[in-house]
């Protein structure tokens, strides 16, 4: 009973701590939005409530284990006092000598550290069990199976054929695609347009297997995506969305991430293609300049172009852009897409955008509102 209660206290404290940490991280990541919406007091109240909950649980846990420790100390004292009283009575009754009593006390002192360790183990057993459960939960959490990389990538071209696909997100009744079919020509730029929430981003995520269709087939370059490993698929298909996240290393580290073996000539070409030459030239140490956590020294548009440069280095056969240049100015955007189409002449580009400008660069335009099988159309 005591063990279960202690385990519950430890688990509750961990859950409160994780909730406080997650809230703090979320607030720090969105501090600008909080300020713009004048919600500083509201968010401070949420943080205070989370802090209070954590502090209360911390107090309850310490009180529980403190009281348990006091109870064990009292039990030890009573045990020692009892031995002395019984021994003293036995000496008076002449059923035990003083030497026998001293011997018992010496033996008790020898065994006391061992008994104390057992007591502490019993006291903190619940915490150990909770930690072990958490460890097992993490270790046995289903890992993503990326598979093995083939000597020759089976996807050679960027043609796309989607046949009779049905898809809905887990736990959501609404179906995104139902008997949905389209085909996309290789080595051209295709723009996917449509109303917000119609499934444009979902379509790109299915192409990189960030979700699996409930039924139907998705074929790229004549290869069914379900039949190849993720490492082969994501080596041939590169995906960039508007949620830019960079590492805290150097400009160079971020560009060649995922392609560490590339040479400086290829890196220089990717920088030029992504319209990042001016950015590099103004940096104190050039491409070896540290850009800080999440690339804070770069603008949003520059961060997006870093991801594009990274994808160009990988030489994909299919490049997926989901609002990937939403923070790039129109003039740079035009140069960027012209460069993409020139350098990646053997690559199929699929761009999702609400911008008429991006749509004008495309060879083909697919309006999901007009395609049969789109549930939200």
Protein backbone atom coordinates (compact mmCIF):
# COMPACT_ATOMS: atom_id res chain seq x y z
CA UNK A 1 0.00 0.00 0.00
CA UNK A 2 2.78 2.40 1.04
CA UNK A 3 4.80 1.42 -2.03
CA UNK A 4 1.88 2.18 -4.35
CA UNK A 5 1.27 5.53 -2.66
CA UNK A 6 4.95 6.49 -2.98
CA UNK A 7 4.99 5.46 -6.62
CA UNK A 8 1.88 7.55 -7.26
CA UNK A 9 3.51 10.58 -5.59
CA UNK A 10 6.68 10.21 -7.69
CA UNK A 11 4.75 9.70 -10.91
CA UNK A 12 2.51 12.70 -10.26
CA UNK A 13 5.56 14.88 -9.59
CA UNK A 14 7.14 13.76 -12.86
CA UNK A 15 3.95 14.47 -14.82
CA UNK A 16 3.64 17.95 -13.26
CA UNK A 17 7.29 18.65 -14.07
CA UNK A 18 6.90 17.53 -17.68
CA UNK A 19 3.77 19.67 -18.08
CA UNK A 20 5.56 22.73 -16.65
CA UNK A 21 8.55 22.19 -18.93
CA UNK A 22 6.37 21.75 -22.03
CA UNK A 23 4.37 24.90 -21.21
CA UNK A 24 7.54 26.95 -20.64
CA UNK A 25 9.06 25.76 -23.93
CA UNK A 26 5.83 26.53 -25.77
CA UNK A 27 5.62 30.01 -24.30
CA UNK A 28 9.27 30.79 -25.10
CA UNK A 29 8.82 29.63 -28.70
CA UNK A 30 5.75 31.85 -29.10
CA UNK A 31 6.80 34.85 -27.02
CA UNK A 32 6.34 37.24 -29.95
CA UNK A 33 2.78 36.06 -30.58
CA UNK A 34 2.01 36.40 -26.87
CA UNK A 35 3.26 39.98 -26.87
CA UNK A 36 1.43 40.90 -30.07
CA UNK A 37 -1.83 39.53 -28.68
CA UNK A 38 -1.27 41.25 -25.31
CA UNK A 39 -1.67 37.88 -23.58
CA UNK A 40 1.35 38.25 -21.28
CA UNK A 41 -0.78 38.28 -18.12
CA UNK A 42 -2.86 35.33 -19.28
CA UNK A 43 0.22 33.25 -20.08
CA UNK A 44 1.84 34.32 -16.79
CA UNK A 45 -1.25 33.00 -14.98
CA UNK A 46 -0.99 29.68 -16.83
CA UNK A 47 2.68 29.44 -15.92
CA UNK A 48 1.96 30.32 -12.28
CA UNK A 49 -0.73 27.64 -12.12
CA UNK A 50 1.66 25.05 -13.57
CA UNK A 51 4.42 26.13 -11.18
CA UNK A 52 2.01 25.94 -8.24
CA UNK A 53 0.89 22.46 -9.25
CA UNK A 54 4.51 21.29 -9.51
CA UNK A 55 5.43 22.89 -6.15
CA UNK A 56 2.41 21.33 -4.41
CA UNK A 57 3.24 17.89 -5.77
CA UNK A 58 6.90 18.33 -4.81
CA UNK A 59 5.83 19.29 -1.28
CA UNK A 60 3.45 16.31 -1.00
CA UNK A 61 6.13 13.90 -2.17
CA UNK A 62 8.71 15.27 0.28
CA UNK A 63 6.20 15.26 3.15
CA UNK A 64 5.28 11.64 2.37
CA UNK A 65 8.88 10.44 2.20
CA UNK A 66 9.86 12.65 5.15
CA UNK A 67 7.09 11.20 7.32
CA UNK A 68 8.03 7.71 6.21
CA UNK A 69 11.64 8.39 7.15
CA UNK A 70 10.60 9.71 10.57
CA UNK A 71 8.44 6.62 11.12
CA UNK A 72 11.38 4.35 10.32
CA UNK A 73 13.67 6.35 12.62
CA UNK A 74 11.12 6.07 15.44
CA UNK A 75 10.86 2.33 14.82
CA UNK A 76 14.67 2.01 15.04
CA UNK A 77 14.74 4.02 18.28
CA UNK A 78 11.97 1.92 19.80
CA UNK A 79 13.79 -1.25 18.74
CA UNK A 80 17.05 -0.12 20.43
CA UNK A 81 15.19 1.07 23.54
CA UNK A 82 13.32 -2.23 23.73
CA UNK A 83 16.52 -4.24 23.59
CA UNK A 84 18.04 -2.16 26.39
CA UNK A 85 14.94 -2.48 28.58
CA UNK A 86 14.59 -6.22 28.03
CA UNK A 87 18.34 -6.72 28.48
CA UNK A 88 18.36 -4.66 31.68
CA UNK A 89 15.44 -6.65 33.07
CA UNK A 90 17.18 -9.92 32.12
CA UNK A 91 20.37 -8.83 33.90
CA UNK A 92 18.41 -7.93 37.03
CA UNK A 93 16.63 -11.32 36.83
CA UNK A 94 20.08 -12.94 36.34
CA UNK A 95 18.97 -14.68 33.11
CA UNK A 96 21.53 -12.68 31.09
CA UNK A 97 24.95 -11.29 31.88
CA UNK A 98 26.15 -7.79 31.15
CA UNK A 99 28.52 -9.26 28.59
CA UNK A 100 25.60 -10.87 26.76
CA UNK A 101 23.85 -7.51 26.55
CA UNK A 102 27.00 -5.77 25.30
CA UNK A 103 27.41 -8.53 22.71
CA UNK A 104 23.80 -8.02 21.51
CA UNK A 105 24.32 -4.27 21.25
CA UNK A 106 27.58 -4.73 19.28
CA UNK A 107 25.86 -7.17 16.93
CA UNK A 108 22.99 -4.73 16.49
CA UNK A 109 25.44 -1.93 15.61
CA UNK A 110 27.10 -4.16 13.02
CA UNK A 111 23.76 -5.07 11.44
CA UNK A 112 22.28 -1.55 11.69
CA UNK A 113 23.81 -0.14 8.44
CA UNK A 114 22.53 -3.17 6.55
CA UNK A 115 19.06 -2.78 8.09
CA UNK A 116 19.13 0.94 7.30
CA UNK A 117 19.85 0.18 3.63
CA UNK A 118 16.91 -2.21 3.55
CA UNK A 119 14.69 0.44 5.13
CA UNK A 120 15.77 3.05 2.58
CA UNK A 121 15.16 0.58 -0.23
CA UNK A 122 11.65 -0.09 1.07
CA UNK A 123 11.07 3.64 1.47
CA UNK A 124 12.25 4.60 -2.02
CA UNK A 125 11.20 1.40 -3.79
CA UNK A 126 8.20 3.18 -5.29
CA UNK A 127 10.43 5.83 -6.86
CA UNK A 128 12.77 3.18 -8.27
CA UNK A 129 9.82 1.24 -9.71
CA UNK A 130 8.38 4.39 -11.28
CA UNK A 131 11.75 5.23 -12.86
CA UNK A 132 12.07 1.67 -14.14
CA UNK A 133 8.57 1.80 -15.64
CA UNK A 134 9.41 5.09 -17.37
CA UNK A 135 12.69 3.65 -18.67
CA UNK A 136 10.91 0.60 -20.07
CA UNK A 137 8.26 2.81 -21.63
CA UNK A 138 10.94 4.80 -23.49
CA UNK A 139 13.04 1.77 -24.46
CA UNK A 140 10.08 -0.19 -25.81
CA UNK A 141 8.42 2.75 -27.58
CA UNK A 142 7.96 1.73 -31.23
CA UNK A 143 10.92 3.08 -33.19
CA UNK A 144 10.70 4.26 -36.78
CA UNK A 145 12.15 1.60 -39.04
CA UNK A 146 14.15 3.49 -41.68
CA UNK A 147 15.44 0.26 -43.20
CA UNK A 148 18.72 -0.14 -45.07
CA UNK A 149 20.00 2.06 -47.85
CA UNK A 150 20.28 0.32 -51.22
CA UNK A 151 23.46 0.52 -53.29
CA UNK A 152 21.35 1.98 -56.09
CA UNK A 153 18.24 3.95 -55.22
CA UNK A 154 15.19 2.30 -56.84
CA UNK A 155 13.54 5.69 -57.47
CA UNK A 156 15.17 7.03 -60.63
CA UNK A 157 12.60 9.56 -61.86
CA UNK A 158 10.13 11.92 -60.25
CA UNK A 159 6.94 10.83 -61.99
CA UNK A 160 4.07 10.51 -59.52
CA UNK A 161 1.01 8.30 -59.84
CA UNK A 162 -1.57 8.23 -57.06
CA UNK A 163 -4.30 5.64 -57.57
CA UNK A 164 -7.55 5.24 -55.60
CA UNK A 165 -6.05 6.52 -52.34
CA UNK A 166 -8.18 6.75 -49.25
CA UNK A 167 -6.74 8.53 -46.22
CA UNK A 168 -7.90 9.86 -42.87
CA UNK A 169 -5.89 10.87 -39.83
CA UNK A 170 -5.90 8.41 -36.89
CA UNK A 171 -8.71 9.14 -34.46
CA UNK A 172 -10.45 11.50 -36.89
CA UNK A 173 -13.66 10.37 -38.57
CA UNK A 174 -13.44 12.86 -41.43
CA UNK A 175 -11.75 11.45 -44.54
CA UNK A 176 -9.24 13.68 -46.35
CA UNK A 177 -9.05 11.62 -49.55
CA UNK A 178 -11.52 9.02 -50.76
CA UNK A 179 -10.74 7.17 -54.01
CA UNK A 180 -8.34 10.00 -54.89
CA UNK A 181 -6.23 9.69 -58.06
CA UNK A 182 -3.83 12.07 -59.84
CA UNK A 183 -0.68 11.83 -61.97
CA UNK A 184 2.24 14.26 -62.15
CA UNK A 185 4.71 14.49 -65.02
CA UNK A 186 8.45 14.03 -64.32
CA UNK A 187 11.07 16.78 -64.57
CA UNK A 188 8.58 19.66 -64.52
CA UNK A 189 7.26 21.97 -61.85
CA UNK A 190 3.71 21.31 -60.68
CA UNK A 191 1.86 23.66 -58.35
CA UNK A 192 -0.84 22.23 -56.04
CA UNK A 193 -3.47 24.82 -55.15
CA UNK A 194 -6.79 24.79 -53.33
CA UNK A 195 -8.65 26.08 -50.33
CA UNK A 196 -7.10 25.93 -46.86
CA UNK A 197 -7.62 22.55 -45.21
CA UNK A 198 -8.43 20.74 -48.44
CA UNK A 199 -5.44 18.38 -48.16
CA UNK A 200 -2.54 19.98 -50.05
CA UNK A 201 -0.01 19.51 -47.25
CA UNK A 202 -1.42 16.07 -46.47
CA UNK A 203 -0.76 15.04 -50.07
CA UNK A 204 2.94 15.98 -49.78
CA UNK A 205 3.26 14.26 -46.42
CA UNK A 206 1.90 11.05 -47.96
CA UNK A 207 4.60 11.29 -50.62
CA UNK A 208 7.32 11.14 -47.96
CA UNK A 209 5.39 8.61 -45.88
CA UNK A 210 4.73 10.89 -42.94
CA UNK A 211 1.42 9.09 -43.09
CA UNK A 212 0.23 5.87 -44.70
CA UNK A 213 -2.87 5.69 -46.92
CA UNK A 214 -5.69 3.49 -45.65
CA UNK A 215 -5.97 2.02 -49.14
CA UNK A 216 -4.74 2.67 -52.67
CA UNK A 217 -1.26 3.08 -54.13
CA UNK A 218 1.31 5.87 -54.36
CA UNK A 219 3.93 5.25 -57.04
CA UNK A 220 6.98 7.46 -57.67
CA UNK A 221 9.27 6.70 -60.59
CA UNK A 222 7.47 3.41 -61.13
CA UNK A 223 8.13 2.29 -57.53
CA UNK A 224 5.37 1.71 -55.00
CA UNK A 225 6.41 3.74 -51.96
CA UNK A 226 5.20 1.06 -49.55
CA UNK A 227 7.68 -1.42 -51.03
CA UNK A 228 10.91 0.48 -50.33
CA UNK A 229 12.75 1.54 -47.18
CA UNK A 230 12.28 4.99 -45.71
CA UNK A 231 15.98 5.75 -46.10
CA UNK A 232 15.79 5.11 -49.86
CA UNK A 233 12.57 7.07 -50.17
CA UNK A 234 13.83 10.11 -48.27
CA UNK A 235 17.15 10.06 -50.09
CA UNK A 236 15.32 10.45 -53.39
CA UNK A 237 12.51 12.74 -52.19
CA UNK A 238 13.18 15.93 -50.24
CA UNK A 239 10.49 17.85 -48.39
CA UNK A 240 10.53 21.44 -47.09
CA UNK A 241 7.67 23.14 -45.30
CA UNK A 242 7.19 26.60 -43.86
CA UNK A 243 8.11 25.54 -40.31
CA UNK A 244 11.82 26.35 -40.43
CA UNK A 245 14.07 24.79 -37.80
CA UNK A 246 17.86 25.02 -37.92
CA UNK A 247 20.65 23.67 -35.75
CA UNK A 248 22.78 25.86 -33.51
CA UNK A 249 25.98 25.10 -35.45
CA UNK A 250 27.61 26.97 -38.29
CA UNK A 251 26.07 28.06 -41.57
CA UNK A 252 28.06 25.28 -43.28
CA UNK A 253 26.89 22.62 -40.81
CA UNK A 254 23.27 23.45 -41.55
CA UNK A 255 23.62 23.46 -45.33
CA UNK A 256 25.39 20.12 -45.60
CA UNK A 257 23.36 18.41 -42.87
CA UNK A 258 22.26 15.07 -44.29
CA UNK A 259 24.94 15.25 -47.00
CA UNK A 260 28.25 15.52 -45.08
CA UNK A 261 30.30 14.02 -47.90
CA UNK A 262 29.50 16.82 -50.38
CA UNK A 263 32.42 18.95 -51.59
CA UNK A 264 32.85 22.72 -51.34
CA UNK A 265 32.17 23.19 -55.04
CA UNK A 266 28.69 21.70 -54.64
CA UNK A 267 28.13 23.74 -51.47
CA UNK A 268 29.12 26.94 -53.28
CA UNK A 269 26.74 26.11 -56.13
CA UNK A 270 23.89 25.47 -53.68
CA UNK A 271 24.57 28.79 -51.94
CA UNK A 272 24.50 30.64 -55.27
CA UNK A 273 21.36 28.86 -56.41
CA UNK A 274 19.54 29.66 -53.16
CA UNK A 275 20.40 33.37 -53.39
CA UNK A 276 22.47 33.16 -50.19
CA UNK A 277 25.71 34.64 -51.54
CA UNK A 278 25.05 38.06 -50.03
CA UNK A 279 24.15 36.49 -46.69
CA UNK A 280 27.43 34.56 -46.55
CA UNK A 281 29.51 37.59 -47.57
CA UNK A 282 28.20 39.73 -44.72
CA UNK A 283 28.97 37.05 -42.10
CA UNK A 284 32.21 37.62 -40.14
CA UNK A 285 33.52 34.08 -40.73
CA UNK A 286 31.64 33.31 -43.94
CA UNK A 287 30.12 29.85 -44.09
CA UNK A 288 31.94 28.96 -40.85
CA UNK A 289 29.95 31.55 -38.88
CA UNK A 290 27.83 30.17 -36.04
CA UNK A 291 24.20 31.12 -36.69
CA UNK A 292 22.96 30.50 -33.14
CA UNK A 293 20.10 28.44 -31.74
CA UNK A 294 17.47 27.84 -34.42
CA UNK A 295 19.39 30.20 -36.73
CA UNK A 296 18.28 33.32 -34.81
CA UNK A 297 20.88 35.50 -36.59
CA UNK A 298 19.13 34.85 -39.92
CA UNK A 299 15.80 36.20 -41.14
CA UNK A 300 12.86 33.86 -41.78
CA UNK A 301 13.37 34.05 -45.54
CA UNK A 302 17.10 33.32 -45.20
CA UNK A 303 16.38 30.29 -43.03
CA UNK A 304 13.96 28.97 -45.64
CA UNK A 305 16.63 29.35 -48.33
CA UNK A 306 19.15 27.46 -46.17
CA UNK A 307 16.78 24.48 -46.18
CA UNK A 308 16.39 24.77 -49.96
CA UNK A 309 20.18 24.81 -50.37
CA UNK A 310 20.41 21.71 -48.16
CA UNK A 311 17.87 19.89 -50.35
CA UNK A 312 19.64 20.92 -53.57
CA UNK A 313 22.88 19.37 -52.28
CA UNK A 314 21.10 16.03 -51.95
CA UNK A 315 20.23 16.07 -55.70
CA UNK A 316 16.71 14.65 -55.27
CA UNK A 317 14.54 13.29 -58.06
CA UNK A 318 11.47 14.79 -56.39
CA UNK A 319 11.43 18.06 -54.43
CA UNK A 320 8.35 18.90 -52.35
CA UNK A 321 7.86 22.53 -51.32
CA UNK A 322 5.04 23.27 -48.89
CA UNK A 323 4.91 27.07 -48.60
CA UNK A 324 8.70 26.74 -48.46
CA UNK A 325 9.37 30.31 -49.66
CA UNK A 326 6.49 32.07 -47.91
CA UNK A 327 8.88 34.58 -46.29
CA UNK A 328 11.02 35.25 -49.38
CA UNK A 329 10.48 38.51 -51.26
CA UNK A 330 8.98 38.34 -54.81
CA UNK A 331 12.19 39.30 -56.67
CA UNK A 332 14.31 36.72 -54.83
CA UNK A 333 11.52 34.16 -55.25
CA UNK A 334 11.59 34.58 -59.02
CA UNK A 335 15.36 34.15 -59.19
CA UNK A 336 15.19 31.21 -56.78
CA UNK A 337 12.62 29.25 -58.79
CA UNK A 338 14.42 29.97 -62.06
CA UNK A 339 17.62 28.63 -60.48
CA UNK A 340 15.81 25.56 -59.16
CA UNK A 341 14.44 24.68 -62.56
CA UNK A 342 17.83 25.20 -64.20
CA UNK A 343 20.02 23.31 -61.72
CA UNK A 344 17.48 20.58 -60.93
CA UNK A 345 16.57 19.93 -64.56
CA UNK A 346 16.20 16.19 -63.86
CA UNK A 347 14.06 16.74 -60.79
CA UNK A 348 10.30 16.98 -60.41
CA UNK A 349 9.23 19.93 -58.28
CA UNK A 350 5.85 19.93 -56.54
CA UNK A 351 5.01 23.20 -54.81
CA UNK A 352 2.06 23.86 -52.52
CA UNK A 353 1.25 27.53 -52.28
CA UNK A 354 -1.53 30.08 -52.00
CA UNK A 355 0.60 32.54 -53.99
CA UNK A 356 -0.40 33.37 -57.55
CA UNK A 357 3.24 34.27 -58.12
CA UNK A 358 4.44 30.72 -57.37
CA UNK A 359 1.60 29.34 -59.46
CA UNK A 360 2.83 31.40 -62.44
CA UNK A 361 6.24 29.65 -62.35
CA UNK A 362 4.71 26.17 -62.72
CA UNK A 363 4.37 24.08 -65.87
CA UNK A 364 1.28 22.35 -64.51
CA UNK A 365 -1.29 23.42 -61.95
CA UNK A 366 -3.53 20.98 -60.06
CA UNK A 367 -6.54 22.49 -58.26
CA UNK A 368 -7.59 20.03 -55.59
CA UNK A 369 -11.07 21.60 -55.44
CA UNK A 370 -11.66 20.22 -58.95
CA UNK A 371 -10.23 16.73 -58.35
CA UNK A 372 -12.59 13.87 -57.63
CA UNK A 373 -11.92 12.07 -54.35
CA UNK A 374 -11.01 15.14 -52.28
CA UNK A 375 -13.47 14.99 -49.40
CA UNK A 376 -13.25 18.67 -48.50
CA UNK A 377 -13.76 19.96 -52.05
